[in-house]
Amino acid sequence: MKTEQNLEGTVVSKAIETTVGLAFDNVDEIDVDIQTDLLKLLSGQVDGIGVQGQGLEVQGVRIEEVQLQTDSVSVNPLNAVFGKVEFDKPVNANARLVFTEDDLNHAMSSNLVRSLLQKGVAVDINGDVVTFKPQLIRIHLPEPNKIKFVGKILVEQASGTRPFTFQAVVCPRTETSPIILESFVCAENEGISLDFTTGLIKKIKELTEAPYLEMDGTAFRVKKMEVEKGTMTLMAQVHLRKIPSSNKVETCK
């Protein structure tokens, strides 16, 4: 991704590196590549923005490695010189994100992810609305092309609340096939009916086949997942409304 930069591109890149770095709680390494020249920059045109980073962490979610490349963008030229990139319109980008198994499990226990999980997933089972709330989820990457989930879920319905534990194995998404559920097993002594299990599996399938996900104004779609023992790589299309800044992170706390 890294290309030879001219002086103006280098100056703006370094300023943006500082701004983006402040958006994270921890950064091992970050490099920003502004692809433009002086005349284009003064008119607010940038051919593209490339970002490479390692060990980026925010709100308890750590990413081992990040590579992102945007399409051409229109920016405020004066603000860009001082490291603040403001898009005149949303920007499309391609991203490559690498997570270790430890990164994924650390994220599952973060306040950010736990707050999302606590909302639960509502499922219609024979006309009754049942809410599944994940309590503890562990992710294992035991071998290539396998993701194993082990966890505990609370089932909330009109008659009361009860827990159940499960194990699931999935095959990751490829460019030609969706995520495939290989197995789903619940503890036998917890009284979970076949209807419950079928309803939950159906809902999970709907969620994994959603065209895109959106969080904090950024929409993304996972095109491909590459899983090796201990690591997961996501290839994604991203729709950005702005480059992360320290102000954004403060408003999320």
Foldseek 3Di string as FASTA:
>chain_A
DDDDDDPQQVLLFVLQQVFLCLLFPDFPDKGKGFADDDVCLCQQKTQKIWMWGAFTHAQQATWGIKIKIWGIFGFDSVVSSNNFTATPFKIKMKMKTKDFQVNVQSVCPGPVNLVVQQVFDWWQQVNWTKTKRWDHWHWFQAFWQKIKIWGKIWIDGPVGIDIWIKMWIWGPAELVGFIGTPDIDIDPPRPDDPSNVVRVVVVVVVVRPPQWDDDPHKIKGFNHWTGGGRMIMTIMMIIGNGRRGNVSSVVVD
